[in-house]
N, C-alpha and C. Protein backbone atom coordinates (compact mmCIF):
# COMPACT_ATOMS: atom_id res chain seq x y z
N MET A 1 45.75 122.84 137.02
CA MET A 1 46.42 122.32 135.82
C MET A 1 46.77 123.48 134.88
N ASN A 2 48.02 123.50 134.39
CA ASN A 2 48.47 124.57 133.51
C ASN A 2 48.04 124.29 132.07
N ARG A 3 47.14 125.12 131.59
CA ARG A 3 46.61 124.91 130.23
C ARG A 3 47.36 125.76 129.21
N LEU A 4 48.41 126.50 129.62
CA LEU A 4 49.07 127.43 128.72
C LEU A 4 49.67 126.77 127.48
N PRO A 5 50.45 125.64 127.60
CA PRO A 5 51.02 125.04 126.38
C PRO A 5 49.97 124.65 125.36
N ALA A 6 48.86 124.07 125.83
CA ALA A 6 47.80 123.66 124.90
C ALA A 6 47.18 124.86 124.23
N LEU A 7 46.98 125.92 124.99
CA LEU A 7 46.38 127.13 124.43
C LEU A 7 47.31 127.78 123.41
N VAL A 8 48.60 127.76 123.69
CA VAL A 8 49.57 128.30 122.74
C VAL A 8 49.51 127.55 121.42
N ALA A 9 49.47 126.22 121.49
CA ALA A 9 49.41 125.40 120.28
C ALA A 9 48.15 125.70 119.48
N VAL A 10 47.03 125.81 120.17
CA VAL A 10 45.77 126.12 119.49
C VAL A 10 45.84 127.49 118.85
N TRP A 11 46.43 128.46 119.55
CA TRP A 11 46.54 129.82 119.02
C TRP A 11 47.34 129.84 117.72
N ILE A 12 48.48 129.13 117.69
CA ILE A 12 49.32 129.10 116.51
C ILE A 12 48.61 128.45 115.33
N VAL A 13 47.97 127.31 115.58
CA VAL A 13 47.26 126.61 114.51
C VAL A 13 46.16 127.47 113.93
N LEU A 14 45.39 128.11 114.79
CA LEU A 14 44.31 128.98 114.32
C LEU A 14 44.85 130.17 113.55
N ALA A 15 45.93 130.77 114.05
CA ALA A 15 46.49 131.95 113.39
C ALA A 15 46.96 131.61 111.99
N ILE A 16 47.63 130.46 111.85
CA ILE A 16 48.13 130.07 110.53
C ILE A 16 46.99 129.68 109.60
N SER A 17 45.99 128.98 110.13
CA SER A 17 44.91 128.48 109.28
C SER A 17 44.01 129.60 108.79
N VAL A 18 43.84 130.65 109.56
CA VAL A 18 42.93 131.72 109.14
C VAL A 18 43.65 132.79 108.34
N GLN A 19 45.02 132.75 108.29
CA GLN A 19 45.74 133.75 107.54
C GLN A 19 46.79 133.11 106.64
N PRO A 20 46.38 132.18 105.76
CA PRO A 20 47.35 131.51 104.90
C PRO A 20 48.02 132.46 103.94
N ASP A 21 47.35 133.57 103.60
CA ASP A 21 47.94 134.50 102.65
C ASP A 21 49.19 135.15 103.23
N ARG A 22 49.26 135.32 104.54
CA ARG A 22 50.45 135.90 105.15
C ARG A 22 51.62 134.93 105.11
N ILE A 23 51.34 133.65 105.05
CA ILE A 23 52.40 132.65 105.02
C ILE A 23 52.91 132.45 103.60
N ASP A 24 52.02 132.44 102.63
CA ASP A 24 52.38 132.03 101.28
C ASP A 24 52.62 133.19 100.31
N ALA A 25 52.09 134.37 100.58
CA ALA A 25 52.15 135.45 99.61
C ALA A 25 53.58 135.92 99.37
N GLU A 26 53.96 135.99 98.11
CA GLU A 26 55.29 136.46 97.74
C GLU A 26 55.26 137.98 97.61
N MET A 27 56.27 138.64 98.15
CA MET A 27 56.32 140.09 98.11
C MET A 27 57.58 140.54 97.37
N VAL A 28 57.54 141.77 96.86
CA VAL A 28 58.70 142.33 96.18
C VAL A 28 59.67 142.86 97.24
N LEU A 29 60.95 142.53 97.09
CA LEU A 29 61.94 142.91 98.09
C LEU A 29 63.11 143.63 97.44
N ASN A 30 63.43 144.81 97.98
CA ASN A 30 64.61 145.55 97.55
C ASN A 30 65.87 144.83 98.06
N PRO A 31 66.97 144.84 97.29
CA PRO A 31 68.19 144.15 97.73
C PRO A 31 68.83 144.73 98.99
N GLY A 32 68.42 145.90 99.41
CA GLY A 32 68.95 146.46 100.66
C GLY A 32 70.19 147.29 100.47
N THR A 33 71.20 147.04 101.29
CA THR A 33 72.43 147.82 101.30
C THR A 33 73.54 147.10 100.54
N VAL A 34 74.27 147.85 99.72
CA VAL A 34 75.42 147.28 99.02
C VAL A 34 76.59 147.21 99.99
N LEU A 35 77.12 146.01 100.19
CA LEU A 35 78.25 145.81 101.09
C LEU A 35 79.59 145.91 100.36
N ALA A 36 79.66 145.33 99.18
CA ALA A 36 80.92 145.31 98.44
C ALA A 36 80.67 144.93 96.99
N THR A 37 81.58 145.33 96.13
CA THR A 37 81.57 144.92 94.72
C THR A 37 82.99 145.03 94.18
N ASN A 38 83.33 144.18 93.23
CA ASN A 38 84.64 144.26 92.58
C ASN A 38 84.53 144.79 91.17
N ILE A 39 83.37 145.34 90.82
CA ILE A 39 83.13 145.84 89.47
C ILE A 39 83.40 147.34 89.42
N VAL A 40 84.29 147.75 88.55
CA VAL A 40 84.55 149.17 88.33
C VAL A 40 83.45 149.71 87.42
N THR A 41 82.74 150.74 87.90
CA THR A 41 81.62 151.27 87.12
C THR A 41 82.07 152.23 86.02
N HIS A 42 81.25 152.32 85.02
CA HIS A 42 81.50 153.19 83.87
C HIS A 42 81.56 154.64 84.32
N THR A 43 82.42 155.41 83.68
CA THR A 43 82.53 156.83 84.04
C THR A 43 81.40 157.64 83.39
N PRO A 44 80.85 158.66 84.09
CA PRO A 44 81.17 158.96 85.49
C PRO A 44 80.53 157.93 86.43
N GLY A 45 81.33 157.39 87.35
CA GLY A 45 80.90 156.29 88.20
C GLY A 45 79.67 156.57 89.02
N SER A 46 79.51 157.81 89.47
CA SER A 46 78.34 158.14 90.30
C SER A 46 77.04 158.02 89.53
N SER A 47 77.10 158.11 88.22
CA SER A 47 75.89 158.05 87.39
C SER A 47 75.54 156.63 86.97
N TYR A 48 76.48 155.70 87.15
CA TYR A 48 76.24 154.32 86.72
C TYR A 48 76.50 153.31 87.85
N SER A 49 76.49 153.76 89.09
CA SER A 49 76.79 152.87 90.21
C SER A 49 75.65 151.87 90.41
N ILE A 50 75.94 150.81 91.17
CA ILE A 50 74.94 149.78 91.45
C ILE A 50 73.75 150.36 92.22
N GLN A 51 73.96 151.47 92.92
CA GLN A 51 72.87 152.10 93.68
C GLN A 51 71.70 152.48 92.78
N HIS A 52 72.00 152.84 91.53
CA HIS A 52 70.94 153.26 90.60
C HIS A 52 70.10 152.09 90.10
N ALA A 53 70.57 150.87 90.37
CA ALA A 53 69.83 149.69 89.93
C ALA A 53 69.06 149.02 91.07
N ILE A 54 69.05 149.68 92.24
CA ILE A 54 68.28 149.12 93.35
C ILE A 54 67.44 150.20 94.05
N ASN A 55 67.35 151.38 93.43
CA ASN A 55 66.61 152.48 94.07
C ASN A 55 65.30 152.83 93.35
N GLN A 56 64.91 152.01 92.38
CA GLN A 56 63.66 152.14 91.62
C GLN A 56 63.66 153.32 90.65
N ASN A 57 64.81 153.99 90.47
CA ASN A 57 64.88 155.06 89.47
C ASN A 57 64.66 154.49 88.08
N GLY A 58 63.77 155.07 87.34
CA GLY A 58 63.50 154.63 85.97
C GLY A 58 62.32 153.70 85.83
N LEU A 59 61.79 153.17 86.94
CA LEU A 59 60.64 152.27 86.86
C LEU A 59 59.36 153.06 86.57
N SER A 60 58.50 152.49 85.75
CA SER A 60 57.24 153.15 85.42
C SER A 60 56.29 153.18 86.61
N SER A 61 56.41 152.21 87.50
CA SER A 61 55.63 152.20 88.73
C SER A 61 56.48 151.58 89.82
N GLY A 62 56.46 152.17 91.01
CA GLY A 62 57.30 151.70 92.09
C GLY A 62 56.60 150.64 92.93
N TYR A 63 57.30 150.17 93.95
CA TYR A 63 56.76 149.18 94.88
C TYR A 63 57.25 149.52 96.28
N THR A 64 56.58 148.98 97.27
CA THR A 64 57.00 149.12 98.66
C THR A 64 57.67 147.82 99.07
N SER A 65 58.97 147.89 99.34
CA SER A 65 59.75 146.70 99.65
C SER A 65 59.18 145.96 100.86
N GLY A 66 58.99 144.64 100.69
CA GLY A 66 58.49 143.81 101.76
C GLY A 66 57.00 143.89 101.97
N VAL A 67 56.31 144.67 101.13
CA VAL A 67 54.85 144.84 101.28
C VAL A 67 54.11 144.52 99.98
N THR A 68 54.56 145.10 98.87
CA THR A 68 53.88 144.95 97.59
C THR A 68 53.85 143.49 97.13
N ASP A 69 52.68 143.03 96.73
CA ASP A 69 52.52 141.65 96.27
C ASP A 69 53.28 141.44 94.96
N PHE A 70 54.10 140.41 94.92
CA PHE A 70 54.97 140.13 93.78
C PHE A 70 54.16 139.86 92.51
N SER A 71 53.22 138.94 92.59
CA SER A 71 52.44 138.54 91.40
C SER A 71 51.64 139.71 90.84
N SER A 72 50.98 140.44 91.71
CA SER A 72 50.16 141.57 91.26
C SER A 72 51.01 142.66 90.63
N TYR A 73 52.15 142.91 91.25
CA TYR A 73 53.02 143.98 90.74
C TYR A 73 53.52 143.66 89.34
N PHE A 74 54.03 142.46 89.13
CA PHE A 74 54.58 142.14 87.82
C PHE A 74 53.50 141.83 86.78
N ALA A 75 52.30 141.52 87.25
CA ALA A 75 51.18 141.35 86.32
C ALA A 75 50.80 142.68 85.68
N SER A 76 51.15 143.78 86.34
CA SER A 76 50.87 145.11 85.80
C SER A 76 51.91 145.55 84.78
N ASN A 77 52.91 144.69 84.53
CA ASN A 77 53.97 144.92 83.54
C ASN A 77 54.72 146.24 83.74
N PRO A 78 55.31 146.43 84.91
CA PRO A 78 56.11 147.65 85.11
C PRO A 78 57.34 147.64 84.20
N THR A 79 57.60 148.75 83.57
CA THR A 79 58.72 148.87 82.64
C THR A 79 59.82 149.75 83.24
N HIS A 80 60.97 149.69 82.60
CA HIS A 80 62.09 150.53 83.04
C HIS A 80 62.49 151.45 81.90
N ALA A 81 62.84 152.68 82.25
CA ALA A 81 63.22 153.67 81.24
C ALA A 81 64.43 153.20 80.44
N GLU A 82 64.54 153.72 79.23
CA GLU A 82 65.67 153.37 78.38
C GLU A 82 66.98 153.79 79.03
N SER A 83 68.02 153.04 78.74
CA SER A 83 69.32 153.22 79.38
C SER A 83 69.75 154.68 79.41
N GLY A 84 70.17 155.13 80.60
CA GLY A 84 70.60 156.50 80.74
C GLY A 84 71.27 156.78 82.07
N LEU A 85 71.73 158.01 82.27
CA LEU A 85 72.40 158.40 83.48
C LEU A 85 71.47 158.31 84.68
N ASP A 86 72.04 157.89 85.81
CA ASP A 86 71.34 157.87 87.10
C ASP A 86 70.15 156.92 87.16
N THR A 87 70.06 156.00 86.23
CA THR A 87 68.97 155.03 86.26
C THR A 87 69.45 153.59 86.06
N HIS A 88 70.74 153.42 85.75
CA HIS A 88 71.26 152.10 85.40
C HIS A 88 72.59 151.82 86.08
N PHE A 89 72.88 150.54 86.19
CA PHE A 89 74.20 150.06 86.60
C PHE A 89 74.96 149.67 85.35
N LEU A 90 76.22 150.09 85.25
CA LEU A 90 77.01 149.79 84.06
C LEU A 90 78.48 149.68 84.44
N SER A 91 79.13 148.61 83.99
CA SER A 91 80.55 148.42 84.26
C SER A 91 81.39 149.19 83.25
N GLN A 92 82.65 149.42 83.62
CA GLN A 92 83.57 150.10 82.71
C GLN A 92 83.97 149.18 81.57
N ILE A 93 84.62 148.06 81.92
CA ILE A 93 85.02 147.11 80.88
C ILE A 93 84.74 145.67 81.30
N SER A 94 84.27 145.48 82.53
CA SER A 94 84.09 144.13 83.06
C SER A 94 82.96 143.38 82.38
N THR A 95 83.15 142.08 82.23
CA THR A 95 82.07 141.20 81.79
C THR A 95 81.74 140.17 82.86
N THR A 96 82.46 140.24 83.99
CA THR A 96 82.16 139.41 85.16
C THR A 96 82.40 140.23 86.42
N GLY A 97 81.82 139.79 87.52
CA GLY A 97 82.03 140.47 88.79
C GLY A 97 80.95 140.12 89.77
N PHE A 98 81.07 140.62 91.02
CA PHE A 98 80.08 140.31 92.03
C PHE A 98 79.63 141.58 92.74
N VAL A 99 78.45 141.48 93.37
CA VAL A 99 77.94 142.52 94.26
C VAL A 99 77.36 141.82 95.48
N ASP A 100 77.72 142.31 96.67
CA ASP A 100 77.20 141.76 97.92
C ASP A 100 76.16 142.69 98.52
N PHE A 101 75.07 142.10 99.03
CA PHE A 101 73.98 142.87 99.62
C PHE A 101 73.68 142.41 101.04
N ASP A 102 73.23 143.37 101.84
CA ASP A 102 72.67 143.09 103.16
C ASP A 102 71.19 143.43 103.10
N LEU A 103 70.33 142.43 103.22
CA LEU A 103 68.88 142.64 103.13
C LEU A 103 68.33 143.35 104.36
N GLY A 104 69.12 143.43 105.43
CA GLY A 104 68.68 144.10 106.63
C GLY A 104 68.14 143.16 107.70
N GLN A 105 67.61 142.04 107.28
CA GLN A 105 67.14 140.99 108.18
C GLN A 105 66.99 139.72 107.35
N VAL A 106 66.67 138.63 108.00
CA VAL A 106 66.53 137.35 107.29
C VAL A 106 65.20 137.30 106.55
N TYR A 107 65.27 136.96 105.28
CA TYR A 107 64.08 136.76 104.45
C TYR A 107 64.19 135.40 103.78
N ALA A 108 63.05 134.85 103.39
CA ALA A 108 63.02 133.62 102.60
C ALA A 108 62.89 134.02 101.13
N LEU A 109 64.02 134.12 100.44
CA LEU A 109 64.01 134.55 99.03
C LEU A 109 63.47 133.44 98.15
N SER A 110 62.66 133.83 97.17
CA SER A 110 62.01 132.84 96.32
C SER A 110 62.20 133.07 94.83
N SER A 111 62.63 134.28 94.44
CA SER A 111 62.81 134.56 93.01
C SER A 111 63.65 135.81 92.83
N ILE A 112 64.01 136.08 91.58
CA ILE A 112 64.80 137.26 91.23
C ILE A 112 64.18 137.91 90.01
N ALA A 113 64.21 139.24 89.98
CA ALA A 113 63.67 140.01 88.86
C ALA A 113 64.73 140.99 88.37
N VAL A 114 64.93 141.05 87.07
CA VAL A 114 65.94 141.94 86.49
C VAL A 114 65.35 142.67 85.30
N TRP A 115 65.47 143.98 85.31
CA TRP A 115 65.18 144.79 84.14
C TRP A 115 66.53 145.00 83.44
N ASN A 116 66.75 144.29 82.35
CA ASN A 116 68.06 144.28 81.71
C ASN A 116 68.31 145.58 80.95
N TRP A 117 69.57 145.73 80.54
CA TRP A 117 69.94 146.88 79.70
C TRP A 117 69.14 146.80 78.41
N GLN A 118 68.45 147.88 78.07
CA GLN A 118 67.52 147.81 76.94
C GLN A 118 68.19 147.83 75.58
N ILE A 119 69.28 148.57 75.47
CA ILE A 119 69.91 148.71 74.15
C ILE A 119 70.94 147.60 73.98
N SER A 120 70.68 146.69 73.07
CA SER A 120 71.59 145.55 72.86
C SER A 120 72.82 145.94 72.06
N GLN A 121 72.87 147.19 71.62
CA GLN A 121 74.01 147.67 70.84
C GLN A 121 75.31 147.46 71.63
N GLY A 122 76.27 146.79 71.05
CA GLY A 122 77.54 146.55 71.71
C GLY A 122 77.52 145.39 72.69
N GLY A 123 76.40 144.74 72.83
CA GLY A 123 76.32 143.58 73.71
C GLY A 123 76.27 143.91 75.18
N VAL A 124 75.86 145.13 75.55
CA VAL A 124 75.77 145.50 76.96
C VAL A 124 74.59 144.79 77.61
N GLY A 125 74.76 144.35 78.84
CA GLY A 125 73.68 143.70 79.57
C GLY A 125 74.21 142.66 80.53
N VAL A 126 73.32 141.84 81.04
CA VAL A 126 73.72 140.71 81.89
C VAL A 126 73.03 139.46 81.36
N THR A 127 73.80 138.40 81.17
CA THR A 127 73.24 137.16 80.62
C THR A 127 73.14 136.05 81.65
N ASN A 128 73.85 136.20 82.78
CA ASN A 128 73.77 135.19 83.83
C ASN A 128 73.99 135.82 85.19
N ILE A 129 73.19 135.39 86.16
CA ILE A 129 73.37 135.81 87.55
C ILE A 129 73.34 134.56 88.43
N GLU A 130 74.43 134.35 89.15
CA GLU A 130 74.44 133.31 90.17
C GLU A 130 74.13 133.96 91.51
N VAL A 131 73.14 133.44 92.21
CA VAL A 131 72.76 133.97 93.52
C VAL A 131 73.36 133.07 94.60
N LEU A 132 74.02 133.69 95.57
CA LEU A 132 74.60 132.96 96.68
C LEU A 132 74.11 133.56 98.00
N ARG A 133 73.99 132.72 99.01
CA ARG A 133 73.60 133.18 100.34
C ARG A 133 74.78 133.01 101.29
N SER A 134 74.76 133.79 102.38
CA SER A 134 75.84 133.70 103.35
C SER A 134 75.29 133.93 104.75
N THR A 135 75.95 133.35 105.73
CA THR A 135 75.55 133.55 107.12
C THR A 135 76.23 134.77 107.73
N ASP A 136 77.19 135.36 107.00
CA ASP A 136 77.88 136.54 107.53
C ASP A 136 78.16 137.53 106.41
N ALA A 137 78.39 138.78 106.81
CA ALA A 137 78.59 139.85 105.84
C ALA A 137 79.91 139.76 105.10
N ALA A 138 80.85 138.97 105.63
CA ALA A 138 82.15 138.81 104.98
C ALA A 138 82.12 137.73 103.90
N PHE A 139 81.04 136.99 103.81
CA PHE A 139 80.88 135.92 102.82
C PHE A 139 82.05 134.94 102.89
N THR A 140 82.31 134.47 104.12
CA THR A 140 83.42 133.53 104.32
C THR A 140 83.13 132.15 103.72
N ALA A 141 81.85 131.77 103.66
CA ALA A 141 81.51 130.47 103.09
C ALA A 141 80.17 130.57 102.35
N PRO A 142 80.12 131.33 101.25
CA PRO A 142 78.85 131.50 100.53
C PRO A 142 78.39 130.19 99.89
N VAL A 143 77.09 130.02 99.84
CA VAL A 143 76.49 128.82 99.26
C VAL A 143 75.63 129.22 98.07
N SER A 144 75.82 128.57 96.95
CA SER A 144 75.07 128.91 95.74
C SER A 144 73.61 128.50 95.85
N VAL A 145 72.73 129.42 95.46
CA VAL A 145 71.29 129.15 95.41
C VAL A 145 70.90 128.67 94.02
N GLY A 146 71.61 129.16 93.00
CA GLY A 146 71.32 128.76 91.63
C GLY A 146 71.84 129.75 90.62
N ASN A 147 71.88 129.34 89.36
CA ASN A 147 72.28 130.19 88.25
C ASN A 147 71.05 130.51 87.41
N PHE A 148 70.94 131.76 86.99
CA PHE A 148 69.74 132.20 86.27
C PHE A 148 70.16 132.98 85.02
N GLY A 149 69.59 132.57 83.89
CA GLY A 149 69.94 133.19 82.62
C GLY A 149 68.99 134.29 82.22
N PHE A 150 69.54 135.31 81.54
CA PHE A 150 68.75 136.45 81.10
C PHE A 150 69.09 136.80 79.66
N SER A 151 68.11 137.38 78.99
CA SER A 151 68.27 137.71 77.57
C SER A 151 68.52 139.20 77.39
N ILE A 152 69.46 139.51 76.51
CA ILE A 152 69.68 140.91 76.12
C ILE A 152 68.84 141.15 74.86
N ASN A 153 67.59 141.52 75.08
CA ASN A 153 66.64 141.60 73.96
C ASN A 153 66.05 142.99 73.75
N GLY A 154 66.53 143.97 74.50
CA GLY A 154 66.04 145.33 74.33
C GLY A 154 64.67 145.59 74.93
N SER A 155 64.14 144.64 75.72
CA SER A 155 62.81 144.81 76.29
C SER A 155 62.86 145.70 77.53
N ALA A 156 61.81 146.48 77.73
CA ALA A 156 61.71 147.35 78.91
C ALA A 156 61.07 146.61 80.08
N LEU A 157 60.61 145.38 79.87
CA LEU A 157 59.96 144.60 80.91
C LEU A 157 60.97 143.81 81.73
N ALA A 158 60.58 143.44 82.93
CA ALA A 158 61.44 142.64 83.80
C ALA A 158 61.48 141.19 83.34
N GLN A 159 62.60 140.54 83.60
CA GLN A 159 62.72 139.11 83.38
C GLN A 159 62.76 138.44 84.76
N LEU A 160 61.92 137.42 84.94
CA LEU A 160 61.75 136.78 86.24
C LEU A 160 62.26 135.35 86.22
N ASP A 161 62.89 134.96 87.32
CA ASP A 161 63.32 133.58 87.50
C ASP A 161 62.98 133.13 88.91
N GLN A 162 62.34 131.96 89.01
CA GLN A 162 61.92 131.42 90.30
C GLN A 162 62.99 130.49 90.85
N PHE A 163 63.25 130.57 92.15
CA PHE A 163 64.17 129.64 92.80
C PHE A 163 63.49 128.28 92.90
N SER A 164 64.28 127.23 93.01
CA SER A 164 63.70 125.90 93.14
C SER A 164 62.94 125.75 94.46
N ALA A 165 63.37 126.51 95.47
CA ALA A 165 62.69 126.54 96.77
C ALA A 165 63.13 127.81 97.49
N PRO A 166 62.28 128.37 98.36
CA PRO A 166 62.68 129.56 99.12
C PRO A 166 63.94 129.29 99.95
N VAL A 167 64.82 130.29 100.02
CA VAL A 167 66.08 130.16 100.76
C VAL A 167 66.18 131.29 101.78
N SER A 168 66.33 130.94 103.04
CA SER A 168 66.41 131.93 104.10
C SER A 168 67.83 132.48 104.22
N THR A 169 67.94 133.81 104.17
CA THR A 169 69.24 134.45 104.28
C THR A 169 69.08 135.93 104.52
N ARG A 170 70.12 136.53 105.05
CA ARG A 170 70.16 137.99 105.18
C ARG A 170 71.16 138.58 104.19
N TYR A 171 72.24 137.83 103.94
CA TYR A 171 73.32 138.32 103.08
C TYR A 171 73.28 137.59 101.74
N VAL A 172 73.32 138.38 100.66
CA VAL A 172 73.19 137.82 99.30
C VAL A 172 74.31 138.34 98.42
N ARG A 173 74.93 137.43 97.70
CA ARG A 173 75.91 137.82 96.67
C ARG A 173 75.36 137.45 95.31
N ILE A 174 75.53 138.34 94.35
CA ILE A 174 75.18 138.00 92.97
C ILE A 174 76.46 138.04 92.13
N ASN A 175 76.77 136.91 91.51
CA ASN A 175 77.87 136.83 90.56
C ASN A 175 77.30 137.13 89.18
N LEU A 176 77.78 138.21 88.58
CA LEU A 176 77.25 138.68 87.30
C LEU A 176 78.18 138.32 86.16
N SER A 177 77.60 138.01 85.01
CA SER A 177 78.42 137.79 83.82
C SER A 177 77.64 138.16 82.57
N ASN A 178 78.40 138.52 81.57
CA ASN A 178 77.85 138.83 80.25
C ASN A 178 78.64 138.01 79.25
N THR A 179 78.02 136.98 78.73
CA THR A 179 78.72 136.03 77.86
C THR A 179 78.68 136.41 76.39
N THR A 180 78.23 137.64 76.09
CA THR A 180 78.25 138.06 74.68
C THR A 180 79.68 138.24 74.19
N GLY A 181 80.62 138.41 75.13
CA GLY A 181 82.03 138.43 74.75
C GLY A 181 82.58 139.80 74.43
N THR A 182 81.72 140.73 74.01
CA THR A 182 82.23 142.04 73.60
C THR A 182 81.64 143.18 74.44
N GLY A 183 80.62 142.86 75.25
CA GLY A 183 79.91 143.92 75.95
C GLY A 183 80.33 144.10 77.40
N GLN A 184 79.58 144.96 78.06
CA GLN A 184 79.78 145.24 79.47
C GLN A 184 78.58 144.71 80.26
N ILE A 185 78.75 144.65 81.59
CA ILE A 185 77.64 144.31 82.45
C ILE A 185 76.79 145.57 82.65
N GLY A 186 75.49 145.43 82.49
CA GLY A 186 74.62 146.57 82.72
C GLY A 186 73.17 146.16 82.82
N PHE A 187 72.44 146.78 83.75
CA PHE A 187 71.00 146.55 83.86
C PHE A 187 70.36 147.72 84.59
N GLY A 188 69.03 147.80 84.45
CA GLY A 188 68.32 148.94 84.99
C GLY A 188 67.87 148.80 86.43
N GLU A 189 67.41 147.62 86.81
CA GLU A 189 66.88 147.43 88.17
C GLU A 189 66.94 145.96 88.53
N LEU A 190 67.11 145.72 89.84
CA LEU A 190 67.17 144.37 90.38
C LEU A 190 66.29 144.30 91.62
N ALA A 191 65.52 143.23 91.75
CA ALA A 191 64.69 143.02 92.94
C ALA A 191 64.57 141.52 93.19
N PHE A 192 64.15 141.18 94.39
CA PHE A 192 63.92 139.79 94.74
C PHE A 192 62.45 139.58 95.08
N GLY A 193 62.02 138.32 94.99
CA GLY A 193 60.74 137.92 95.53
C GLY A 193 61.01 137.22 96.84
N ALA A 194 60.18 137.44 97.84
CA ALA A 194 60.40 136.81 99.15
C ALA A 194 59.06 136.44 99.76
N VAL A 195 59.09 135.38 100.55
CA VAL A 195 57.89 134.95 101.28
C VAL A 195 58.18 135.07 102.77
N PRO A 196 57.19 135.43 103.59
CA PRO A 196 57.42 135.53 105.03
C PRO A 196 57.85 134.20 105.61
N GLU A 197 58.76 134.24 106.56
CA GLU A 197 59.22 133.02 107.20
C GLU A 197 58.19 132.54 108.22
N PRO A 198 57.78 131.27 108.16
CA PRO A 198 56.82 130.74 109.13
C PRO A 198 57.25 130.95 110.57
N SER A 199 58.56 130.81 110.84
CA SER A 199 59.06 130.97 112.21
C SER A 199 58.79 132.37 112.71
N SER A 200 58.95 133.37 111.84
CA SER A 200 58.70 134.75 112.24
C SER A 200 57.23 134.96 112.56
N PHE A 201 56.38 134.34 111.75
CA PHE A 201 54.95 134.49 111.98
C PHE A 201 54.53 133.81 113.28
N ILE A 202 55.14 132.65 113.57
CA ILE A 202 54.82 131.95 114.81
C ILE A 202 55.25 132.78 116.02
N LEU A 203 56.44 133.40 115.93
CA LEU A 203 56.89 134.26 117.02
C LEU A 203 55.94 135.43 117.22
N PHE A 204 55.45 135.98 116.12
CA PHE A 204 54.49 137.06 116.21
C PHE A 204 53.22 136.58 116.92
N SER A 205 52.76 135.39 116.56
CA SER A 205 51.56 134.83 117.17
C SER A 205 51.76 134.58 118.66
N LEU A 206 52.97 134.07 119.02
CA LEU A 206 53.26 133.85 120.43
C LEU A 206 53.26 135.16 121.21
N GLY A 207 53.80 136.20 120.58
CA GLY A 207 53.81 137.50 121.23
C GLY A 207 52.41 138.02 121.48
N MET A 208 51.55 137.87 120.47
CA MET A 208 50.17 138.31 120.61
C MET A 208 49.45 137.51 121.69
N PHE A 209 49.72 136.19 121.73
CA PHE A 209 49.10 135.36 122.76
C PHE A 209 49.58 135.77 124.14
N GLY A 210 50.88 136.09 124.26
CA GLY A 210 51.42 136.50 125.55
C GLY A 210 50.77 137.76 126.07
N LEU A 211 50.55 138.71 125.16
CA LEU A 211 49.89 139.95 125.55
C LEU A 211 48.47 139.68 126.04
N ALA A 212 47.78 138.79 125.32
CA ALA A 212 46.40 138.46 125.71
C ALA A 212 46.37 137.75 127.05
N ALA A 213 47.33 136.83 127.27
CA ALA A 213 47.37 136.10 128.53
C ALA A 213 47.68 137.01 129.70
N ARG A 214 48.61 137.96 129.48
CA ARG A 214 48.95 138.90 130.55
C ARG A 214 47.76 139.78 130.91
N ARG A 215 47.06 140.23 129.88
CA ARG A 215 45.88 141.05 130.14
C ARG A 215 44.83 140.27 130.92
N ARG A 216 44.71 138.97 130.55
CA ARG A 216 43.72 138.13 131.26
C ARG A 216 44.08 137.95 132.72
N GLN A 217 45.40 137.79 132.99
CA GLN A 217 45.85 137.63 134.36
C GLN A 217 45.59 138.89 135.18
N ARG A 218 45.82 140.05 134.55
CA ARG A 218 45.58 141.31 135.25
C ARG A 218 44.11 141.48 135.60
N VAL A 219 43.25 141.10 134.66
CA VAL A 219 41.80 141.22 134.89
C VAL A 219 41.37 140.30 136.00
N SER A 220 41.89 139.04 135.99
CA SER A 220 41.49 138.06 136.98
C SER A 220 41.99 138.38 138.38
N SER A 221 43.11 139.13 138.45
CA SER A 221 43.68 139.46 139.74
C SER A 221 43.02 140.67 140.39
N VAL A 222 42.23 141.39 139.61
CA VAL A 222 41.55 142.57 140.17
C VAL A 222 40.40 142.15 141.08
């Protein structure tokens, strides 16, 4: 009688039950690679590009993407340096626009964190971010995850917004706007919160079980 299916089921149940923290723990996630944007950056563009808002430049303490615990990290109140060259994203004159990201693989996104432009002078900053997910890098049919509001209050701390539920995606678009009417779009750093996908963990468990079963077969055949 083949006991393999039953053993696989038991293995998965045990793996999930003894390691719930791997299933539920939210981690800090870097946005990954910039695919496209329609926002013209402030001159000199190289000093205010979107890259400076996703590379952790200016943060008082860094994180390891996909590893660092989200709650613990933000409980330590990491701050961002005051607005300056090579540490911030800033538009030339735009008050709306989008940026597309490739996370590198599928993640279950659960929240967004933004260190806004600290100096409220002139109304610079971001007041709303719509997050959209896509099944392809061309964003042929993006689906909105939600709209999230942010305050231009001069604070060096991050502003956090939780999604209504985790959303699995690899490609993310953020529609940015600044409704102050007179300012530009600008912020210091952007990150996401993500939780491991149960399907990925189950596949990992199946792989581990397969290795154990193969080893057992080799031993028994000797």
